[in-house]
N, C-alpha and C. Protein backbone atom coordinates (compact mmCIF):
# COMPACT_ATOMS: atom_id res chain seq x y z
N MET A 1 -59.28 55.42 178.77
CA MET A 1 -59.50 54.83 177.41
C MET A 1 -59.36 55.94 176.46
N PRO A 2 -58.82 55.86 175.43
CA PRO A 2 -58.59 56.99 174.48
C PRO A 2 -59.85 57.08 173.66
N LEU A 3 -60.10 58.26 173.18
CA LEU A 3 -61.58 58.29 172.23
C LEU A 3 -61.45 57.45 171.01
N ILE A 4 -60.33 57.33 170.30
CA ILE A 4 -60.32 56.47 169.25
C ILE A 4 -60.63 54.87 169.76
N THR A 5 -60.20 54.56 170.93
CA THR A 5 -60.62 53.10 171.45
C THR A 5 -62.09 53.16 171.43
N ARG A 6 -62.65 54.14 172.29
CA ARG A 6 -64.17 54.24 172.50
C ARG A 6 -64.96 54.15 171.17
N LEU A 7 -64.33 54.86 170.23
CA LEU A 7 -65.07 54.87 168.77
C LEU A 7 -65.11 53.54 168.12
N PHE A 8 -63.96 52.99 168.20
CA PHE A 8 -63.76 51.75 167.53
C PHE A 8 -64.89 50.61 168.26
N LEU A 9 -64.86 50.71 169.67
CA LEU A 9 -65.94 49.76 170.32
C LEU A 9 -67.30 50.11 170.12
N LYS A 10 -67.67 51.22 170.36
CA LYS A 10 -68.98 51.59 170.08
C LYS A 10 -69.24 51.38 168.55
N THR A 11 -68.77 51.75 167.72
CA THR A 11 -68.82 51.37 166.25
C THR A 11 -68.82 50.03 165.94
N GLY A 12 -68.13 49.38 166.53
CA GLY A 12 -68.28 47.74 166.55
C GLY A 12 -69.54 47.24 167.01
N LEU A 13 -69.96 47.85 168.10
CA LEU A 13 -71.38 47.38 168.60
C LEU A 13 -72.48 47.63 167.67
N VAL A 14 -72.54 48.70 167.09
CA VAL A 14 -73.51 49.00 165.97
C VAL A 14 -73.47 48.18 165.06
N TYR A 15 -72.35 48.01 164.41
CA TYR A 15 -72.26 46.80 163.41
C TYR A 15 -72.54 45.43 163.83
N PHE A 16 -72.40 45.09 165.01
CA PHE A 16 -72.89 43.74 165.60
C PHE A 16 -74.38 43.87 165.79
N LEU A 17 -75.05 44.62 165.99
CA LEU A 17 -76.33 44.68 166.12
C LEU A 17 -76.86 44.80 164.63
N GLY A 18 -76.10 45.59 163.82
CA GLY A 18 -76.62 45.50 162.42
C GLY A 18 -76.59 44.04 161.87
N SER A 19 -75.63 43.45 162.01
CA SER A 19 -75.15 41.99 161.57
C SER A 19 -76.37 41.14 162.17
N LEU A 20 -76.70 41.33 163.44
CA LEU A 20 -77.69 40.15 164.07
C LEU A 20 -79.12 40.53 163.24
N ILE A 21 -79.33 41.90 163.06
CA ILE A 21 -80.44 42.13 162.30
C ILE A 21 -80.48 41.59 160.95
N ILE A 22 -79.61 41.69 160.06
CA ILE A 22 -79.54 41.05 158.87
C ILE A 22 -79.48 39.20 159.03
N GLY A 23 -79.00 38.85 160.12
CA GLY A 23 -78.81 37.44 160.37
C GLY A 23 -80.28 36.88 160.51
N ILE A 24 -81.06 37.84 161.16
CA ILE A 24 -82.61 37.62 161.31
C ILE A 24 -83.35 37.51 159.88
N LEU A 25 -83.05 38.73 159.26
CA LEU A 25 -83.60 38.86 157.92
C LEU A 25 -83.29 37.64 157.06
N LEU A 26 -82.18 37.00 157.19
CA LEU A 26 -81.84 35.91 156.31
C LEU A 26 -82.75 34.62 156.58
N GLN A 27 -83.10 34.62 157.76
CA GLN A 27 -84.17 33.52 158.13
C GLN A 27 -85.50 33.59 157.31
N PHE A 28 -85.85 34.88 156.76
CA PHE A 28 -87.11 34.99 156.23
C PHE A 28 -86.56 35.24 154.63
N PRO A 29 -86.31 34.26 153.62
CA PRO A 29 -85.94 34.45 152.37
C PRO A 29 -87.29 35.16 151.55
N SER A 30 -88.31 35.09 152.20
CA SER A 30 -89.53 35.72 151.12
C SER A 30 -89.38 37.34 151.20
N ILE A 31 -88.60 37.91 152.24
CA ILE A 31 -88.64 39.29 152.29
C ILE A 31 -88.03 39.85 150.84
N GLY A 32 -87.02 38.85 150.27
CA GLY A 32 -86.68 39.26 148.82
C GLY A 32 -85.52 40.29 148.70
N ILE A 33 -84.84 40.34 149.97
CA ILE A 33 -83.47 41.42 149.90
C ILE A 33 -82.32 40.73 149.39
N PRO A 34 -81.94 40.87 148.24
CA PRO A 34 -80.84 39.90 147.56
C PRO A 34 -79.28 40.35 148.30
N ASN A 35 -78.67 39.30 148.18
CA ASN A 35 -77.00 39.60 148.47
C ASN A 35 -76.92 39.76 149.92
N LEU A 36 -77.67 39.15 151.00
CA LEU A 36 -77.28 39.81 152.17
C LEU A 36 -76.33 38.94 153.18
N VAL A 37 -76.02 37.60 152.31
CA VAL A 37 -74.98 36.80 153.22
C VAL A 37 -73.61 37.49 153.38
N PRO A 38 -73.38 37.90 152.05
CA PRO A 38 -71.75 38.67 152.21
C PRO A 38 -72.01 39.89 153.15
N LEU A 39 -72.99 40.46 152.98
CA LEU A 39 -73.24 41.81 153.85
C LEU A 39 -73.12 41.36 155.28
N PHE A 40 -73.78 40.31 155.67
CA PHE A 40 -73.93 39.71 157.13
C PHE A 40 -72.39 39.50 157.54
N TRP A 41 -71.75 38.86 156.87
CA TRP A 41 -70.31 38.20 157.21
C TRP A 41 -69.35 39.43 157.17
N HIS A 42 -69.56 40.55 156.28
CA HIS A 42 -68.44 41.73 156.35
C HIS A 42 -68.95 42.63 157.59
N MET A 43 -70.22 42.72 157.87
CA MET A 43 -70.63 43.34 159.10
C MET A 43 -70.33 42.68 160.22
N LEU A 44 -70.25 41.43 160.37
CA LEU A 44 -69.93 40.68 161.60
C LEU A 44 -68.21 40.51 162.01
N MET A 45 -67.72 40.33 160.72
CA MET A 45 -66.30 39.98 160.78
C MET A 45 -65.40 41.36 160.74
N LEU A 46 -65.82 42.25 159.80
CA LEU A 46 -64.99 43.55 159.74
C LEU A 46 -65.54 44.51 160.61
N GLY A 47 -67.00 44.53 160.84
CA GLY A 47 -67.61 45.59 161.47
C GLY A 47 -67.60 45.55 162.76
N TRP A 48 -67.55 44.30 163.27
CA TRP A 48 -67.70 43.83 164.78
C TRP A 48 -66.37 43.39 165.31
N ILE A 49 -65.97 42.28 164.88
CA ILE A 49 -64.81 41.64 165.32
C ILE A 49 -63.39 42.27 165.15
N THR A 50 -63.35 42.82 163.93
CA THR A 50 -61.95 43.64 163.72
C THR A 50 -61.95 44.84 164.35
N GLN A 51 -63.23 45.57 164.40
CA GLN A 51 -63.17 46.82 165.13
C GLN A 51 -62.77 46.70 166.56
N ILE A 52 -63.41 45.63 167.22
CA ILE A 52 -63.11 45.25 168.55
C ILE A 52 -61.60 45.07 168.82
N ILE A 53 -61.14 44.23 167.87
CA ILE A 53 -59.45 43.84 167.98
C ILE A 53 -58.82 45.03 167.83
N PHE A 54 -59.08 46.06 166.73
CA PHE A 54 -58.31 46.94 166.57
C PHE A 54 -58.42 48.13 167.72
N GLY A 55 -59.62 48.31 168.14
CA GLY A 55 -59.76 49.37 169.19
C GLY A 55 -59.08 48.96 170.46
N ILE A 56 -59.07 47.85 171.06
CA ILE A 56 -58.43 47.30 172.21
C ILE A 56 -57.02 47.11 172.01
N SER A 57 -56.58 46.61 170.75
CA SER A 57 -55.00 46.66 170.67
C SER A 57 -54.25 48.02 170.70
N VAL A 58 -54.92 48.88 170.15
CA VAL A 58 -54.59 50.34 170.14
C VAL A 58 -54.41 50.85 171.49
N TRP A 59 -55.51 50.48 172.41
CA TRP A 59 -55.44 50.88 173.80
C TRP A 59 -54.34 50.20 174.51
N MET A 60 -54.36 48.81 174.55
CA MET A 60 -53.41 48.05 175.38
C MET A 60 -51.89 47.81 175.07
N PHE A 61 -51.93 47.89 173.74
CA PHE A 61 -50.42 47.60 173.34
C PHE A 61 -49.42 48.89 173.94
N PRO A 62 -48.45 48.68 174.71
CA PRO A 62 -47.51 49.68 175.10
C PRO A 62 -47.01 50.72 173.96
N GLY A 63 -46.68 51.72 174.17
CA GLY A 63 -46.00 52.60 173.32
C GLY A 63 -46.80 53.77 172.52
N ARG A 64 -47.86 53.71 173.06
CA ARG A 64 -48.85 54.90 172.70
C ARG A 64 -48.55 56.28 173.64
N LYS A 65 -48.37 57.39 172.90
CA LYS A 65 -48.15 58.46 173.51
C LYS A 65 -49.43 58.90 174.31
N LYS A 66 -49.19 59.31 175.47
CA LYS A 66 -50.43 59.75 176.49
C LYS A 66 -51.19 60.85 175.88
N VAL A 67 -50.56 61.89 175.18
CA VAL A 67 -51.40 63.12 174.74
C VAL A 67 -52.39 62.70 173.63
N GLU A 68 -53.62 62.70 173.65
CA GLU A 68 -54.54 62.22 172.54
C GLU A 68 -54.81 63.26 171.36
N SER A 69 -53.74 63.37 170.77
CA SER A 69 -53.93 64.44 169.64
C SER A 69 -53.87 63.61 168.39
N PHE A 70 -54.47 64.15 167.26
CA PHE A 70 -54.81 63.54 165.91
C PHE A 70 -53.19 62.98 165.47
N ILE A 71 -52.18 63.89 165.77
CA ILE A 71 -50.92 63.56 165.25
C ILE A 71 -50.32 62.49 165.87
N ASN A 72 -50.45 62.28 167.19
CA ASN A 72 -49.93 61.13 167.88
C ASN A 72 -50.75 59.98 167.66
N GLN A 73 -51.95 59.96 167.21
CA GLN A 73 -52.84 58.95 166.76
C GLN A 73 -53.37 58.67 165.44
N ARG A 74 -52.47 59.32 164.60
CA ARG A 74 -53.05 59.45 163.15
C ARG A 74 -53.29 58.21 162.55
N TRP A 75 -52.34 57.24 162.74
CA TRP A 75 -52.47 55.93 161.98
C TRP A 75 -53.76 55.22 162.60
N SER A 76 -53.91 55.47 163.91
CA SER A 76 -55.23 54.76 164.35
C SER A 76 -56.56 55.47 163.78
N TRP A 77 -56.63 56.63 163.63
CA TRP A 77 -57.71 57.54 163.03
C TRP A 77 -57.71 57.29 161.50
N LEU A 78 -56.67 57.03 161.01
CA LEU A 78 -56.86 56.55 159.53
C LEU A 78 -57.40 55.15 159.42
N THR A 79 -56.93 54.45 160.20
CA THR A 79 -57.52 53.05 160.28
C THR A 79 -59.04 53.07 160.24
N TYR A 80 -59.39 53.75 161.33
CA TYR A 80 -60.97 53.91 161.75
C TYR A 80 -61.82 54.65 160.66
N GLY A 81 -61.18 55.69 159.96
CA GLY A 81 -62.02 56.19 158.86
C GLY A 81 -61.99 55.36 157.47
N PHE A 82 -60.74 54.86 157.27
CA PHE A 82 -60.80 54.04 156.11
C PHE A 82 -61.59 52.60 156.28
N LEU A 83 -61.50 52.02 157.40
CA LEU A 83 -62.22 50.77 157.56
C LEU A 83 -63.78 51.14 157.59
N ASN A 84 -64.14 52.01 158.28
CA ASN A 84 -65.72 52.31 158.24
C ASN A 84 -66.16 52.87 156.99
N THR A 85 -65.25 53.85 156.15
CA THR A 85 -65.77 54.30 154.99
C THR A 85 -65.84 52.84 153.98
N GLY A 86 -64.99 51.86 153.89
CA GLY A 86 -65.04 50.78 153.24
C GLY A 86 -66.20 49.90 153.56
N LEU A 87 -66.57 49.72 154.87
CA LEU A 87 -67.67 49.03 155.23
C LEU A 87 -69.03 49.80 154.74
N ILE A 88 -69.00 51.02 154.99
CA ILE A 88 -70.29 51.70 154.46
C ILE A 88 -70.45 51.62 153.02
N LEU A 89 -69.55 51.68 152.15
CA LEU A 89 -69.55 51.47 150.82
C LEU A 89 -69.83 50.17 150.53
N ARG A 90 -69.53 49.28 151.21
CA ARG A 90 -69.96 47.76 150.98
C ARG A 90 -71.38 47.40 151.37
N ILE A 91 -71.86 48.12 152.52
CA ILE A 91 -73.26 48.02 152.96
C ILE A 91 -74.15 48.52 151.80
N VAL A 92 -73.74 49.61 151.09
CA VAL A 92 -74.57 50.38 150.29
C VAL A 92 -74.69 49.58 148.87
N SER A 93 -73.50 49.11 148.41
CA SER A 93 -73.09 48.63 147.14
C SER A 93 -73.56 47.05 146.92
N GLU A 94 -73.42 46.38 147.97
CA GLU A 94 -73.64 44.83 147.89
C GLU A 94 -74.92 44.52 147.70
N PRO A 95 -75.69 45.03 148.24
CA PRO A 95 -77.24 44.56 147.89
C PRO A 95 -77.63 45.01 146.47
N LEU A 96 -77.19 46.14 145.90
CA LEU A 96 -77.62 46.99 144.74
C LEU A 96 -76.75 46.05 143.56
N ILE A 97 -75.72 45.54 143.61
CA ILE A 97 -75.04 45.05 142.56
C ILE A 97 -75.84 43.72 142.03
N VAL A 98 -76.35 43.05 142.63
CA VAL A 98 -77.19 42.07 142.12
C VAL A 98 -78.45 42.48 141.66
N THR A 99 -79.01 43.55 142.08
CA THR A 99 -80.46 43.91 141.62
C THR A 99 -80.26 44.76 140.30
N SER A 100 -79.19 45.78 140.26
CA SER A 100 -79.20 46.60 139.15
C SER A 100 -77.86 46.22 138.02
N GLY A 101 -76.78 45.47 138.51
CA GLY A 101 -75.89 45.20 137.59
C GLY A 101 -74.82 46.20 137.15
N SER A 102 -75.34 47.41 137.83
CA SER A 102 -74.51 48.54 137.34
C SER A 102 -73.14 48.44 137.67
N ALA A 103 -72.45 48.95 136.66
CA ALA A 103 -70.74 49.12 136.97
C ALA A 103 -70.57 49.98 138.05
N VAL A 104 -71.25 51.08 138.34
CA VAL A 104 -71.06 51.82 139.54
C VAL A 104 -70.93 51.02 140.83
N TRP A 105 -71.92 50.10 140.85
CA TRP A 105 -71.99 49.41 142.04
C TRP A 105 -70.58 48.50 142.35
N LYS A 106 -70.29 47.99 140.99
CA LYS A 106 -69.10 47.08 141.09
C LYS A 106 -68.06 47.90 141.28
N MET A 107 -67.83 48.97 140.75
CA MET A 107 -66.57 49.88 141.14
C MET A 107 -66.58 50.36 142.61
N LEU A 108 -67.86 50.59 143.17
CA LEU A 108 -67.98 50.75 144.78
C LEU A 108 -67.33 49.69 145.59
N ILE A 109 -67.67 48.48 145.10
CA ILE A 109 -67.14 47.30 145.90
C ILE A 109 -65.67 47.32 145.78
N ILE A 110 -65.25 47.59 144.52
CA ILE A 110 -63.75 47.64 144.43
C ILE A 110 -63.06 48.80 145.17
N ILE A 111 -63.67 49.88 145.49
CA ILE A 111 -63.29 51.00 146.22
C ILE A 111 -63.33 50.53 147.65
N SER A 112 -64.53 49.74 148.04
CA SER A 112 -64.54 49.35 149.51
C SER A 112 -63.56 48.47 149.89
N ALA A 113 -63.04 47.41 148.85
CA ALA A 113 -62.11 46.49 149.22
C ALA A 113 -60.81 47.19 149.39
N VAL A 114 -60.62 48.13 148.70
CA VAL A 114 -59.12 48.89 148.64
C VAL A 114 -59.03 49.79 149.95
N THR A 115 -60.31 50.55 150.37
CA THR A 115 -60.10 50.99 151.51
C THR A 115 -60.03 50.20 152.76
N GLN A 116 -60.52 49.17 152.67
CA GLN A 116 -60.55 48.09 153.93
C GLN A 116 -59.05 47.54 154.02
N PHE A 117 -58.52 47.48 152.84
CA PHE A 117 -57.07 46.94 152.89
C PHE A 117 -55.98 47.96 153.32
N LEU A 118 -56.34 49.27 152.99
CA LEU A 118 -55.62 50.46 153.38
C LEU A 118 -55.80 50.56 154.89
N ALA A 119 -56.97 50.30 155.16
CA ALA A 119 -57.30 50.29 156.88
C ALA A 119 -56.17 49.43 157.68
N VAL A 120 -56.10 48.16 156.90
CA VAL A 120 -55.49 47.21 157.52
C VAL A 120 -53.76 47.53 157.69
N VAL A 121 -53.54 48.20 156.56
CA VAL A 121 -52.12 48.59 156.32
C VAL A 121 -51.74 49.93 157.28
N PHE A 122 -52.60 50.87 157.64
CA PHE A 122 -52.37 51.66 158.50
C PHE A 122 -52.42 51.17 160.00
N TYR A 123 -53.29 50.12 160.34
CA TYR A 123 -53.36 49.40 161.47
C TYR A 123 -51.90 48.88 161.72
N VAL A 124 -51.29 48.03 160.79
CA VAL A 124 -49.85 47.52 160.92
C VAL A 124 -48.79 48.44 161.22
N VAL A 125 -48.85 49.61 160.62
CA VAL A 125 -48.04 50.71 160.80
C VAL A 125 -48.19 51.35 162.40
N GLU A 126 -49.31 51.45 162.82
CA GLU A 126 -49.57 51.80 163.97
C GLU A 126 -49.15 50.81 165.01
N ILE A 127 -49.40 49.55 164.70
CA ILE A 127 -49.06 48.56 166.04
C ILE A 127 -47.78 47.73 165.95
N TRP A 128 -47.14 47.73 164.56
CA TRP A 128 -45.70 47.04 164.63
C TRP A 128 -44.75 47.54 165.43
N PRO A 129 -44.68 49.13 165.72
CA PRO A 129 -43.46 49.27 166.49
C PRO A 129 -43.70 49.07 167.98
N ARG A 130 -44.80 48.87 168.40
CA ARG A 130 -45.45 48.45 169.84
C ARG A 130 -45.07 47.14 170.01
N VAL A 131 -44.95 46.10 169.07
CA VAL A 131 -44.82 44.83 169.39
C VAL A 131 -42.98 44.55 169.59
N LEU A 132 -42.61 44.82 170.53
CA LEU A 132 -41.17 44.81 170.96
C LEU A 132 -40.78 43.50 171.97
N SER A 133 -39.59 42.94 171.65
CA SER A 133 -39.31 41.87 172.45
C SER A 133 -38.94 42.41 173.98
N PRO A 134 -38.52 41.95 174.91
CA PRO A 134 -38.24 42.71 176.18
C PRO A 134 -36.73 43.23 176.01
N LYS A 135 -35.90 42.58 175.17
CA LYS A 135 -34.62 43.19 175.05
C LYS A 135 -34.89 44.57 174.10
N GLN A 136 -35.54 44.45 173.18
CA GLN A 136 -35.76 45.67 172.41
C GLN A 136 -36.50 46.88 173.30
N ARG A 137 -37.52 46.30 174.27
CA ARG A 137 -38.12 47.66 175.04
C ARG A 137 -36.87 48.12 175.94
N ARG A 138 -36.09 47.34 176.48
CA ARG A 138 -34.93 47.83 177.30
C ARG A 138 -34.12 48.78 176.63
N LEU A 139 -33.92 48.30 175.24
CA LEU A 139 -32.97 49.27 174.43
C LEU A 139 -33.69 50.59 174.13
N GLN A 140 -34.77 50.45 173.93
CA GLN A 140 -35.62 51.82 173.89
C GLN A 140 -35.66 52.66 174.92
N LYS A 141 -35.92 52.06 176.19
CA LYS A 141 -35.82 52.81 177.34
C LYS A 141 -34.37 53.52 177.60
N LYS A 142 -33.74 52.78 177.18
CA LYS A 142 -32.01 53.14 177.50
C LYS A 142 -31.80 54.50 176.55
N ALA A 143 -32.19 54.32 175.21
CA ALA A 143 -32.06 55.33 174.20
C ALA A 143 -32.78 56.60 174.62
N LYS A 144 -33.95 56.59 175.19
CA LYS A 144 -34.83 57.68 175.68
C LYS A 144 -34.30 58.54 176.76
N SER A 145 -33.46 57.77 177.80
CA SER A 145 -32.65 58.34 178.97
C SER A 145 -31.75 58.85 178.62
């Protein structure tokens, strides 16, 4: 299993635990931490589910070069970096946007959304060529030989 896949999976597990902790905190509204519901869903769906899907598909879809260099897996690494940067920005800014109302936190939410969107674009660039019909795969093998 490539390093990038292991990182996606382990990072996804960390987000899963974090989302469960936030889910527990949501059961106690008296704690007074604002805006946890969107944070819970982002950590669960993007942090856990999406990272697991991205990691497993990068590993399982054929067409990956066997050499595990950054160049060969650059789109996967960019996906990982941008997705997690966006999620961390979201985790930091989401609760503070309500309490302070500062434009800085609103700008961080926008940057977070853009980095997460770019992560999805990088993932599509990585996976798209791997999703070939059997005929396309045969033609690709013929061209290589």
